[in-house]
Amino acid sequence: MESDQIVEALRKKGQTVEYLIFQDQGHDFLNPANRLQFFEAVEVFLNKYLGK
């Protein structure tokens, strides 16, 4: 997967990468549980970098 290669290259350069993989999904989040997990991760990310 191209995204795996990008993440690997960034990590080799010492970058922290937030990366989620949903084995049962393609490009869209059709599974409600995956969608919820994605939005929870987005919330954590935004709070970390933008604060509240």
PDB file of N, CA and C in Angstrom:
ATOM      1  N   MET A   1       0.818  -1.174   0.000  1.00  0.00           N
ATOM      2  CA  MET A   1       0.000   0.000   0.000  1.00  0.00           C
ATOM      3  C   MET A   1       0.870   1.250   0.000  1.00  0.00           C
ATOM      4  N   GLU A   2       0.475   2.222  -0.757  1.00  0.00           N
ATOM      5  CA  GLU A   2       1.252   3.459  -0.835  1.00  0.00           C
ATOM      6  C   GLU A   2       1.285   4.182   0.511  1.00  0.00           C
ATOM      7  N   SER A   3       0.174   4.153   1.236  1.00  0.00           N
ATOM      8  CA  SER A   3       0.147   4.824   2.538  1.00  0.00           C
ATOM      9  C   SER A   3       1.129   4.180   3.510  1.00  0.00           C
ATOM     10  N   ASP A   4       1.293   2.868   3.439  1.00  0.00           N
ATOM     11  CA  ASP A   4       2.278   2.188   4.286  1.00  0.00           C
ATOM     12  C   ASP A   4       3.689   2.682   3.979  1.00  0.00           C
ATOM     13  N   GLN A   5       3.985   2.887   2.711  1.00  0.00           N
ATOM     14  CA  GLN A   5       5.304   3.364   2.300  1.00  0.00           C
ATOM     15  C   GLN A   5       5.556   4.788   2.801  1.00  0.00           C
ATOM     16  N   ILE A   6       4.540   5.622   2.753  1.00  0.00           N
ATOM     17  CA  ILE A   6       4.671   7.002   3.227  1.00  0.00           C
ATOM     18  C   ILE A   6       4.930   7.010   4.727  1.00  0.00           C
ATOM     19  N   VAL A   7       4.155   6.223   5.466  1.00  0.00           N
ATOM     20  CA  VAL A   7       4.330   6.151   6.918  1.00  0.00           C
ATOM     21  C   VAL A   7       5.715   5.632   7.263  1.00  0.00           C
ATOM     22  N   GLU A   8       6.154   4.602   6.586  1.00  0.00           N
ATOM     23  CA  GLU A   8       7.484   4.038   6.832  1.00  0.00           C
ATOM     24  C   GLU A   8       8.579   5.075   6.581  1.00  0.00           C
ATOM     25  N   ALA A   9       8.465   5.814   5.490  1.00  0.00           N
ATOM     26  CA  ALA A   9       9.472   6.832   5.160  1.00  0.00           C
ATOM     27  C   ALA A   9       9.496   7.941   6.212  1.00  0.00           C
ATOM     28  N   LEU A  10       8.335   8.369   6.672  1.00  0.00           N
ATOM     29  CA  LEU A  10       8.268   9.412   7.696  1.00  0.00           C
ATOM     30  C   LEU A  10       8.867   8.928   9.008  1.00  0.00           C
ATOM     31  N   ARG A  11       8.558   7.703   9.380  1.00  0.00           N
ATOM     32  CA  ARG A  11       9.092   7.154  10.632  1.00  0.00           C
ATOM     33  C   ARG A  11      10.608   6.978  10.567  1.00  0.00           C
ATOM     34  N   LYS A  12      11.116   6.619   9.406  1.00  0.00           N
ATOM     35  CA  LYS A  12      12.568   6.496   9.243  1.00  0.00           C
ATOM     36  C   LYS A  12      13.256   7.844   9.441  1.00  0.00           C
ATOM     37  N   LYS A  13      12.532   8.930   9.166  1.00  0.00           N
ATOM     38  CA  LYS A  13      13.080  10.274   9.353  1.00  0.00           C
ATOM     39  C   LYS A  13      12.812  10.806  10.746  1.00  0.00           C
ATOM     40  N   GLY A  14      12.282   9.937  11.615  1.00  0.00           N
ATOM     41  CA  GLY A  14      12.052  10.323  12.995  1.00  0.00           C
ATOM     42  C   GLY A  14      10.757  11.054  13.267  1.00  0.00           C
ATOM     43  N   GLN A  15       9.859  11.063  12.293  1.00  0.00           N
ATOM     44  CA  GLN A  15       8.585  11.761  12.463  1.00  0.00           C
ATOM     45  C   GLN A  15       7.586  10.863  13.198  1.00  0.00           C
ATOM     46  N   THR A  16       6.774  11.469  14.031  1.00  0.00           N
ATOM     47  CA  THR A  16       5.689  10.746  14.672  1.00  0.00           C
ATOM     48  C   THR A  16       4.518  10.716  13.696  1.00  0.00           C
ATOM     49  N   VAL A  17       3.963   9.539  13.500  1.00  0.00           N
ATOM     50  CA  VAL A  17       2.873   9.388  12.538  1.00  0.00           C
ATOM     51  C   VAL A  17       1.671   8.751  13.231  1.00  0.00           C
ATOM     52  N   GLU A  18       0.536   9.404  13.143  1.00  0.00           N
ATOM     53  CA  GLU A  18      -0.725   8.847  13.620  1.00  0.00           C
ATOM     54  C   GLU A  18      -1.328   8.120  12.418  1.00  0.00           C
ATOM     55  N   TYR A  19      -1.548   6.809  12.548  1.00  0.00           N
ATOM     56  CA  TYR A  19      -1.946   6.016  11.386  1.00  0.00           C
ATOM     57  C   TYR A  19      -2.941   4.955  11.818  1.00  0.00           C
ATOM     58  N   LEU A  20      -4.116   4.977  11.237  1.00  0.00           N
ATOM     59  CA  LEU A  20      -5.143   3.984  11.532  1.00  0.00           C
ATOM     60  C   LEU A  20      -5.355   3.101  10.312  1.00  0.00           C
ATOM     61  N   ILE A  21      -5.483   1.820  10.559  1.00  0.00           N
ATOM     62  CA  ILE A  21      -5.793   0.872   9.485  1.00  0.00           C
ATOM     63  C   ILE A  21      -7.035   0.094   9.883  1.00  0.00           C
ATOM     64  N   PHE A  22      -8.004   0.073   9.005  1.00  0.00           N
ATOM     65  CA  PHE A  22      -9.215  -0.710   9.213  1.00  0.00           C
ATOM     66  C   PHE A  22      -9.224  -1.807   8.147  1.00  0.00           C
ATOM     67  N   GLN A  23      -8.993  -3.030   8.571  1.00  0.00           N
ATOM     68  CA  GLN A  23      -8.849  -4.145   7.631  1.00  0.00           C
ATOM     69  C   GLN A  23     -10.119  -4.413   6.822  1.00  0.00           C
ATOM     70  N   ASP A  24     -11.275  -4.047   7.377  1.00  0.00           N
ATOM     71  CA  ASP A  24     -12.539  -4.343   6.700  1.00  0.00           C
ATOM     72  C   ASP A  24     -13.101  -3.151   5.922  1.00  0.00           C
ATOM     73  N   GLN A  25     -12.248  -2.148   5.644  1.00  0.00           N
ATOM     74  CA  GLN A  25     -12.705  -0.953   4.938  1.00  0.00           C
ATOM     75  C   GLN A  25     -11.806  -0.649   3.755  1.00  0.00           C
ATOM     76  N   GLY A  26     -12.353   0.077   2.820  1.00  0.00           N
ATOM     77  CA  GLY A  26     -11.570   0.597   1.712  1.00  0.00           C
ATOM     78  C   GLY A  26     -11.301   2.068   1.970  1.00  0.00           C
ATOM     79  N   HIS A  27     -11.645   2.909   1.013  1.00  0.00           N
ATOM     80  CA  HIS A  27     -11.403   4.346   1.145  1.00  0.00           C
ATOM     81  C   HIS A  27     -12.482   5.050   1.969  1.00  0.00           C
ATOM     82  N   ASP A  28     -13.632   4.427   2.110  1.00  0.00           N
ATOM     83  CA  ASP A  28     -14.733   5.035   2.851  1.00  0.00           C
ATOM     84  C   ASP A  28     -14.915   4.332   4.188  1.00  0.00           C
ATOM     85  N   PHE A  29     -15.495   5.047   5.147  1.00  0.00           N
ATOM     86  CA  PHE A  29     -15.801   4.469   6.448  1.00  0.00           C
ATOM     87  C   PHE A  29     -17.279   4.103   6.478  1.00  0.00           C
ATOM     88  N   LEU A  30     -17.597   2.913   6.013  1.00  0.00           N
ATOM     89  CA  LEU A  30     -18.985   2.477   5.975  1.00  0.00           C
ATOM     90  C   LEU A  30     -19.385   1.785   7.273  1.00  0.00           C
ATOM     91  N   ASN A  31     -18.432   1.182   7.956  1.00  0.00           N
ATOM     92  CA  ASN A  31     -18.693   0.508   9.219  1.00  0.00           C
ATOM     93  C   ASN A  31     -18.806   1.563  10.320  1.00  0.00           C
ATOM     94  N   PRO A  32     -19.959   1.663  10.978  1.00  0.00           N
ATOM     95  CA  PRO A  32     -20.140   2.704  12.007  1.00  0.00           C
ATOM     96  C   PRO A  32     -19.102   2.638  13.140  1.00  0.00           C
ATOM     97  N   ALA A  33     -18.686   1.459  13.537  1.00  0.00           N
ATOM     98  CA  ALA A  33     -17.687   1.328  14.603  1.00  0.00           C
ATOM     99  C   ALA A  33     -16.348   1.915  14.158  1.00  0.00           C
ATOM    100  N   ASN A  34     -15.977   1.699  12.903  1.00  0.00           N
ATOM    101  CA  ASN A  34     -14.734   2.262  12.372  1.00  0.00           C
ATOM    102  C   ASN A  34     -14.832   3.778  12.268  1.00  0.00           C
ATOM    103  N   ARG A  35     -15.979   4.241  11.848  1.00  0.00           N
ATOM    104  CA  ARG A  35     -16.189   5.693  11.721  1.00  0.00           C
ATOM    105  C   ARG A  35     -16.053   6.364  13.090  1.00  0.00           C
ATOM    106  N   LEU A  36     -16.643   5.753  14.112  1.00  0.00           N
ATOM    107  CA  LEU A  36     -16.550   6.296  15.463  1.00  0.00           C
ATOM    108  C   LEU A  36     -15.098   6.304  15.947  1.00  0.00           C
ATOM    109  N   GLN A  37     -14.379   5.207  15.722  1.00  0.00           N
ATOM    110  CA  GLN A  37     -12.977   5.144  16.126  1.00  0.00           C
ATOM    111  C   GLN A  37     -12.152   6.209  15.396  1.00  0.00           C
ATOM    112  N   PHE A  38     -12.430   6.419  14.119  1.00  0.00           N
ATOM    113  CA  PHE A  38     -11.731   7.441  13.345  1.00  0.00           C
ATOM    114  C   PHE A  38     -11.968   8.837  13.935  1.00  0.00           C
ATOM    115  N   PHE A  39     -13.233   9.162  14.201  1.00  0.00           N
ATOM    116  CA  PHE A  39     -13.535  10.494  14.726  1.00  0.00           C
ATOM    117  C   PHE A  39     -12.986  10.682  16.137  1.00  0.00           C
ATOM    118  N   GLU A  40     -12.938   9.631  16.926  1.00  0.00           N
ATOM    119  CA  GLU A  40     -12.305   9.723  18.245  1.00  0.00           C
ATOM    120  C   GLU A  40     -10.815  10.030  18.098  1.00  0.00           C
ATOM    121  N   ALA A  41     -10.161   9.387  17.128  1.00  0.00           N
ATOM    122  CA  ALA A  41      -8.736   9.640  16.885  1.00  0.00           C
ATOM    123  C   ALA A  41      -8.521  11.068  16.387  1.00  0.00           C
ATOM    124  N   VAL A  42      -9.413  11.562  15.555  1.00  0.00           N
ATOM    125  CA  VAL A  42      -9.316  12.943  15.068  1.00  0.00           C
ATOM    126  C   VAL A  42      -9.451  13.913  16.239  1.00  0.00           C
ATOM    127  N   GLU A  43     -10.385  13.647  17.135  1.00  0.00           N
ATOM    128  CA  GLU A  43     -10.570  14.516  18.299  1.00  0.00           C
ATOM    129  C   GLU A  43      -9.316  14.551  19.174  1.00  0.00           C
ATOM    130  N   VAL A  44      -8.710  13.399  19.421  1.00  0.00           N
ATOM    131  CA  VAL A  44      -7.475  13.340  20.210  1.00  0.00           C
ATOM    132  C   VAL A  44      -6.369  14.122  19.507  1.00  0.00           C
ATOM    133  N   PHE A  45      -6.240  13.936  18.201  1.00  0.00           N
ATOM    134  CA  PHE A  45      -5.222  14.632  17.418  1.00  0.00           C
ATOM    135  C   PHE A  45      -5.405  16.152  17.493  1.00  0.00           C
ATOM    136  N   LEU A  46      -6.625  16.615  17.270  1.00  0.00           N
ATOM    137  CA  LEU A  46      -6.886  18.054  17.290  1.00  0.00           C
ATOM    138  C   LEU A  46      -6.662  18.651  18.676  1.00  0.00           C
ATOM    139  N   ASN A  47      -7.075  17.939  19.701  1.00  0.00           N
ATOM    140  CA  ASN A  47      -6.830  18.419  21.066  1.00  0.00           C
ATOM    141  C   ASN A  47      -5.334  18.493  21.364  1.00  0.00           C
ATOM    142  N   LYS A  48      -4.596  17.532  20.865  1.00  0.00           N
ATOM    143  CA  LYS A  48      -3.152  17.498  21.094  1.00  0.00           C
ATOM    144  C   LYS A  48      -2.461  18.689  20.417  1.00  0.00           C
ATOM    145  N   TYR A  49      -2.821  18.975  19.187  1.00  0.00           N
ATOM    146  CA  TYR A  49      -2.106  19.985  18.419  1.00  0.00           C
ATOM    147  C   TYR A  49      -2.752  21.365  18.421  1.00  0.00           C
ATOM    148  N   LEU A  50      -4.039  21.442  18.711  1.00  0.00           N
ATOM    149  CA  LEU A  50      -4.705  22.733  18.740  1.00  0.00           C
ATOM    150  C   LEU A  50      -5.124  23.141  20.144  1.00  0.00           C
ATOM    151  N   GLY A  51      -5.257  22.148  21.001  1.00  0.00           N
ATOM    152  CA  GLY A  51      -5.649  22.412  22.383  1.00  0.00           C
ATOM    153  C   GLY A  51      -7.090  22.854  22.482  1.00  0.00           C
ATOM    154  N   LYS A  52      -7.526  22.987  23.709  1.00  0.00           N
ATOM    155  CA  LYS A  52      -8.902  23.450  23.952  1.00  0.00           C
ATOM    156  C   LYS A  52      -8.872  24.672  24.793  1.00  0.00           C
TER     157      LYS A  52
END
